[in-house]
Amino acid sequence: MAKTVLVIDDDPTQRRLLQAAVEKAGFACRTAPDGEAGLALAADPKDGIDVVLLDLTMPG
């Protein structure tokens, strides 16, 4: 089973680029547009998030 990467970024273009790179590398990918949504995904045990890539300069 592929490991799952959570990409959190407020810029939709950056999210798509990172998602494409992560999936091309053979990982499953979930995305979130902000920290709040990312925390909700990361806290859900059924998502099985293994690693998080995030934008540290997001608003909020």
PDB file of N, CA and C in Angstrom:
ATOM      1  N   MET A   1       0.838  -1.189   0.000  1.00  0.00           N
ATOM      2  CA  MET A   1       0.000   0.000   0.000  1.00  0.00           C
ATOM      3  C   MET A   1       0.882   1.251   0.000  1.00  0.00           C
ATOM      4  N   ALA A   2       0.516   2.218  -0.823  1.00  0.00           N
ATOM      5  CA  ALA A   2       1.294   3.449  -0.939  1.00  0.00           C
ATOM      6  C   ALA A   2       1.151   4.311   0.312  1.00  0.00           C
ATOM      7  N   LYS A   3       2.219   4.949   0.693  1.00  0.00           N
ATOM      8  CA  LYS A   3       2.176   5.921   1.785  1.00  0.00           C
ATOM      9  C   LYS A   3       1.387   7.141   1.309  1.00  0.00           C
ATOM     10  N   THR A   4       0.788   7.855   2.258  1.00  0.00           N
ATOM     11  CA  THR A   4      -0.056   8.997   1.916  1.00  0.00           C
ATOM     12  C   THR A   4       0.584  10.293   2.378  1.00  0.00           C
ATOM     13  N   VAL A   5       0.651  11.268   1.465  1.00  0.00           N
ATOM     14  CA  VAL A   5       1.195  12.589   1.735  1.00  0.00           C
ATOM     15  C   VAL A   5       0.040  13.584   1.752  1.00  0.00           C
ATOM     16  N   LEU A   6       0.011  14.440   2.760  1.00  0.00           N
ATOM     17  CA  LEU A   6      -0.966  15.519   2.845  1.00  0.00           C
ATOM     18  C   LEU A   6      -0.275  16.812   2.441  1.00  0.00           C
ATOM     19  N   VAL A   7      -0.784  17.455   1.399  1.00  0.00           N
ATOM     20  CA  VAL A   7      -0.245  18.731   0.919  1.00  0.00           C
ATOM     21  C   VAL A   7      -1.207  19.836   1.357  1.00  0.00           C
ATOM     22  N   ILE A   8      -0.687  20.817   2.108  1.00  0.00           N
ATOM     23  CA  ILE A   8      -1.499  21.938   2.579  1.00  0.00           C
ATOM     24  C   ILE A   8      -0.895  23.225   2.029  1.00  0.00           C
ATOM     25  N   ASP A   9      -1.659  23.915   1.183  1.00  0.00           N
ATOM     26  CA  ASP A   9      -1.184  25.173   0.588  1.00  0.00           C
ATOM     27  C   ASP A   9      -2.394  25.991   0.159  1.00  0.00           C
ATOM     28  N   ASP A  10      -2.353  27.289   0.408  1.00  0.00           N
ATOM     29  CA  ASP A  10      -3.468  28.158   0.036  1.00  0.00           C
ATOM     30  C   ASP A  10      -3.462  28.526  -1.444  1.00  0.00           C
ATOM     31  N   ASP A  11      -2.372  28.264  -2.129  1.00  0.00           N
ATOM     32  CA  ASP A  11      -2.270  28.561  -3.558  1.00  0.00           C
ATOM     33  C   ASP A  11      -2.660  27.313  -4.354  1.00  0.00           C
ATOM     34  N   PRO A  12      -3.779  27.362  -5.091  1.00  0.00           N
ATOM     35  CA  PRO A  12      -4.238  26.173  -5.801  1.00  0.00           C
ATOM     36  C   PRO A  12      -3.241  25.645  -6.834  1.00  0.00           C
ATOM     37  N   THR A  13      -2.487  26.526  -7.467  1.00  0.00           N
ATOM     38  CA  THR A  13      -1.489  26.090  -8.449  1.00  0.00           C
ATOM     39  C   THR A  13      -0.378  25.296  -7.759  1.00  0.00           C
ATOM     40  N   GLN A  14       0.099  25.800  -6.630  1.00  0.00           N
ATOM     41  CA  GLN A  14       1.137  25.092  -5.882  1.00  0.00           C
ATOM     42  C   GLN A  14       0.632  23.726  -5.405  1.00  0.00           C
ATOM     43  N   ARG A  15      -0.625  23.701  -4.942  1.00  0.00           N
ATOM     44  CA  ARG A  15      -1.211  22.422  -4.493  1.00  0.00           C
ATOM     45  C   ARG A  15      -1.221  21.405  -5.626  1.00  0.00           C
ATOM     46  N   ARG A  16      -1.661  21.840  -6.810  1.00  0.00           N
ATOM     47  CA  ARG A  16      -1.718  20.923  -7.961  1.00  0.00           C
ATOM     48  C   ARG A  16      -0.327  20.444  -8.366  1.00  0.00           C
ATOM     49  N   LEU A  17       0.656  21.350  -8.383  1.00  0.00           N
ATOM     50  CA  LEU A  17       2.024  20.972  -8.752  1.00  0.00           C
ATOM     51  C   LEU A  17       2.607  19.966  -7.756  1.00  0.00           C
ATOM     52  N   LEU A  18       2.422  20.238  -6.470  1.00  0.00           N
ATOM     53  CA  LEU A  18       2.926  19.318  -5.455  1.00  0.00           C
ATOM     54  C   LEU A  18       2.208  17.975  -5.515  1.00  0.00           C
ATOM     55  N   GLN A  19       0.900  18.009  -5.725  1.00  0.00           N
ATOM     56  CA  GLN A  19       0.139  16.772  -5.835  1.00  0.00           C
ATOM     57  C   GLN A  19       0.649  15.932  -7.005  1.00  0.00           C
ATOM     58  N   ALA A  20       0.867  16.572  -8.134  1.00  0.00           N
ATOM     59  CA  ALA A  20       1.362  15.853  -9.315  1.00  0.00           C
ATOM     60  C   ALA A  20       2.731  15.233  -9.038  1.00  0.00           C
ATOM     61  N   ALA A  21       3.616  15.968  -8.379  1.00  0.00           N
ATOM     62  CA  ALA A  21       4.955  15.455  -8.089  1.00  0.00           C
ATOM     63  C   ALA A  21       4.895  14.286  -7.101  1.00  0.00           C
ATOM     64  N   VAL A  22       4.053  14.429  -6.089  1.00  0.00           N
ATOM     65  CA  VAL A  22       3.913  13.374  -5.075  1.00  0.00           C
ATOM     66  C   VAL A  22       3.359  12.100  -5.704  1.00  0.00           C
ATOM     67  N   GLU A  23       2.320  12.250  -6.527  1.00  0.00           N
ATOM     68  CA  GLU A  23       1.718  11.080  -7.167  1.00  0.00           C
ATOM     69  C   GLU A  23       2.660  10.442  -8.191  1.00  0.00           C
ATOM     70  N   LYS A  24       3.419  11.271  -8.903  1.00  0.00           N
ATOM     71  CA  LYS A  24       4.392  10.741  -9.868  1.00  0.00           C
ATOM     72  C   LYS A  24       5.466   9.912  -9.157  1.00  0.00           C
ATOM     73  N   ALA A  25       5.775  10.296  -7.912  1.00  0.00           N
ATOM     74  CA  ALA A  25       6.765   9.562  -7.123  1.00  0.00           C
ATOM     75  C   ALA A  25       6.189   8.272  -6.519  1.00  0.00           C
ATOM     76  N   GLY A  26       4.898   8.026  -6.736  1.00  0.00           N
ATOM     77  CA  GLY A  26       4.300   6.773  -6.292  1.00  0.00           C
ATOM     78  C   GLY A  26       3.555   6.828  -4.975  1.00  0.00           C
ATOM     79  N   PHE A  27       3.337   8.025  -4.454  1.00  0.00           N
ATOM     80  CA  PHE A  27       2.618   8.179  -3.199  1.00  0.00           C
ATOM     81  C   PHE A  27       1.158   8.544  -3.457  1.00  0.00           C
ATOM     82  N   ALA A  28       0.291   8.192  -2.513  1.00  0.00           N
ATOM     83  CA  ALA A  28      -1.074   8.700  -2.540  1.00  0.00           C
ATOM     84  C   ALA A  28      -1.016  10.130  -2.012  1.00  0.00           C
ATOM     85  N   CYS A  29      -1.957  10.973  -2.413  1.00  0.00           N
ATOM     86  CA  CYS A  29      -1.907  12.370  -2.003  1.00  0.00           C
ATOM     87  C   CYS A  29      -3.293  12.868  -1.636  1.00  0.00           C
ATOM     88  N   ARG A  30      -3.367  13.576  -0.528  1.00  0.00           N
ATOM     89  CA  ARG A  30      -4.563  14.310  -0.122  1.00  0.00           C
ATOM     90  C   ARG A  30      -4.149  15.772  -0.084  1.00  0.00           C
ATOM     91  N   THR A  31      -5.087  16.688  -0.344  1.00  0.00           N
ATOM     92  CA  THR A  31      -4.761  18.110  -0.326  1.00  0.00           C
ATOM     93  C   THR A  31      -5.749  18.877   0.529  1.00  0.00           C
ATOM     94  N   ALA A  32      -5.285  20.015   1.026  1.00  0.00           N
ATOM     95  CA  ALA A  32      -6.122  20.916   1.809  1.00  0.00           C
ATOM     96  C   ALA A  32      -5.725  22.352   1.473  1.00  0.00           C
ATOM     97  N   PRO A  33      -6.719  23.267   1.423  1.00  0.00           N
ATOM     98  CA  PRO A  33      -6.441  24.654   1.047  1.00  0.00           C
ATOM     99  C   PRO A  33      -6.001  25.552   2.200  1.00  0.00           C
ATOM    100  N   ASP A  34      -6.072  25.058   3.439  1.00  0.00           N
ATOM    101  CA  ASP A  34      -5.665  25.879   4.579  1.00  0.00           C
ATOM    102  C   ASP A  34      -5.342  24.982   5.772  1.00  0.00           C
ATOM    103  N   GLY A  35      -4.778  25.596   6.805  1.00  0.00           N
ATOM    104  CA  GLY A  35      -4.362  24.833   7.974  1.00  0.00           C
ATOM    105  C   GLY A  35      -5.506  24.133   8.680  1.00  0.00           C
ATOM    106  N   GLU A  36      -6.638  24.793   8.782  1.00  0.00           N
ATOM    107  CA  GLU A  36      -7.781  24.206   9.475  1.00  0.00           C
ATOM    108  C   GLU A  36      -8.254  22.919   8.781  1.00  0.00           C
ATOM    109  N   ALA A  37      -8.391  22.980   7.465  1.00  0.00           N
ATOM    110  CA  ALA A  37      -8.798  21.792   6.711  1.00  0.00           C
ATOM    111  C   ALA A  37      -7.715  20.715   6.772  1.00  0.00           C
ATOM    112  N   GLY A  38      -6.457  21.124   6.751  1.00  0.00           N
ATOM    113  CA  GLY A  38      -5.355  20.175   6.844  1.00  0.00           C
ATOM    114  C   GLY A  38      -5.327  19.459   8.183  1.00  0.00           C
ATOM    115  N   LEU A  39      -5.567  20.201   9.256  1.00  0.00           N
ATOM    116  CA  LEU A  39      -5.616  19.576  10.579  1.00  0.00           C
ATOM    117  C   LEU A  39      -6.752  18.574  10.673  1.00  0.00           C
ATOM    118  N   ALA A  40      -7.893  18.895  10.081  1.00  0.00           N
ATOM    119  CA  ALA A  40      -9.031  17.976  10.101  1.00  0.00           C
ATOM    120  C   ALA A  40      -8.683  16.678   9.367  1.00  0.00           C
ATOM    121  N   LEU A  41      -8.027  16.787   8.216  1.00  0.00           N
ATOM    122  CA  LEU A  41      -7.622  15.587   7.480  1.00  0.00           C
ATOM    123  C   LEU A  41      -6.574  14.789   8.258  1.00  0.00           C
ATOM    124  N   ALA A  42      -5.613  15.477   8.837  1.00  0.00           N
ATOM    125  CA  ALA A  42      -4.544  14.803   9.569  1.00  0.00           C
ATOM    126  C   ALA A  42      -5.069  14.103  10.820  1.00  0.00           C
ATOM    127  N   ALA A  43      -6.123  14.642  11.418  1.00  0.00           N
ATOM    128  CA  ALA A  43      -6.670  14.065  12.645  1.00  0.00           C
ATOM    129  C   ALA A  43      -7.563  12.859  12.394  1.00  0.00           C
ATOM    130  N   ASP A  44      -7.998  12.665  11.163  1.00  0.00           N
ATOM    131  CA  ASP A  44      -8.905  11.566  10.835  1.00  0.00           C
ATOM    132  C   ASP A  44      -8.100  10.288  10.618  1.00  0.00           C
ATOM    133  N   PRO A  45      -8.218   9.317  11.503  1.00  0.00           N
ATOM    134  CA  PRO A  45      -7.393   8.105  11.392  1.00  0.00           C
ATOM    135  C   PRO A  45      -7.643   7.297  10.114  1.00  0.00           C
ATOM    136  N   LYS A  46      -8.819   7.410   9.513  1.00  0.00           N
ATOM    137  CA  LYS A  46      -9.076   6.632   8.296  1.00  0.00           C
ATOM    138  C   LYS A  46      -8.283   7.150   7.102  1.00  0.00           C
ATOM    139  N   ASP A  47      -7.802   8.405   7.169  1.00  0.00           N
ATOM    140  CA  ASP A  47      -6.999   8.950   6.076  1.00  0.00           C
ATOM    141  C   ASP A  47      -5.581   8.399   6.080  1.00  0.00           C
ATOM    142  N   GLY A  48      -5.074   7.991   7.219  1.00  0.00           N
ATOM    143  CA  GLY A  48      -3.749   7.386   7.294  1.00  0.00           C
ATOM    144  C   GLY A  48      -2.643   8.248   6.725  1.00  0.00           C
ATOM    145  N   ILE A  49      -2.604   9.516   7.094  1.00  0.00           N
ATOM    146  CA  ILE A  49      -1.577  10.438   6.599  1.00  0.00           C
ATOM    147  C   ILE A  49      -0.221  10.035   7.185  1.00  0.00           C
ATOM    148  N   ASP A  50       0.772   9.874   6.319  1.00  0.00           N
ATOM    149  CA  ASP A  50       2.111   9.487   6.756  1.00  0.00           C
ATOM    150  C   ASP A  50       3.066  10.667   6.866  1.00  0.00           C
ATOM    151  N   VAL A  51       2.872  11.676   6.022  1.00  0.00           N
ATOM    152  CA  VAL A  51       3.752  12.847   6.044  1.00  0.00           C
ATOM    153  C   VAL A  51       2.961  14.058   5.551  1.00  0.00           C
ATOM    154  N   VAL A  52       3.366  15.250   6.014  1.00  0.00           N
ATOM    155  CA  VAL A  52       2.680  16.489   5.638  1.00  0.00           C
ATOM    156  C   VAL A  52       3.678  17.436   4.986  1.00  0.00           C
ATOM    157  N   LEU A  53       3.284  17.993   3.837  1.00  0.00           N
ATOM    158  CA  LEU A  53       4.026  19.083   3.189  1.00  0.00           C
ATOM    159  C   LEU A  53       3.137  20.308   3.283  1.00  0.00           C
ATOM    160  N   LEU A  54       3.653  21.394   3.877  1.00  0.00           N
ATOM    161  CA  LEU A  54       2.798  22.563   4.003  1.00  0.00           C
ATOM    162  C   LEU A  54       3.546  23.854   3.773  1.00  0.00           C
ATOM    163  N   ASP A  55       2.749  24.844   3.392  1.00  0.00           N
ATOM    164  CA  ASP A  55       3.222  26.213   3.200  1.00  0.00           C
ATOM    165  C   ASP A  55       3.219  26.877   4.577  1.00  0.00           C
ATOM    166  N   LEU A  56       4.370  27.310   5.043  1.00  0.00           N
ATOM    167  CA  LEU A  56       4.445  27.923   6.364  1.00  0.00           C
ATOM    168  C   LEU A  56       3.979  29.372   6.400  1.00  0.00           C
ATOM    169  N   THR A  57       3.798  29.991   5.249  1.00  0.00           N
ATOM    170  CA  THR A  57       3.419  31.406   5.220  1.00  0.00           C
ATOM    171  C   THR A  57       1.977  31.615   4.784  1.00  0.00           C
ATOM    172  N   MET A  58       1.110  30.663   5.066  1.00  0.00           N
ATOM    173  CA  MET A  58      -0.300  30.819   4.724  1.00  0.00           C
ATOM    174  C   MET A  58      -0.970  31.802   5.677  1.00  0.00           C
ATOM    175  N   PRO A  59      -1.948  32.548   5.193  1.00  0.00           N
ATOM    176  CA  PRO A  59      -2.700  33.405   6.100  1.00  0.00           C
ATOM    177  C   PRO A  59      -3.542  32.547   7.054  1.00  0.00           C
ATOM    178  N   GLY A  60      -3.787  33.063   8.242  1.00  0.00           N
ATOM    179  CA  GLY A  60      -4.639  32.352   9.208  1.00  0.00           C
ATOM    180  C   GLY A  60      -3.866  31.299   9.918  1.00  0.00           C
TER     181      GLY A  60
END
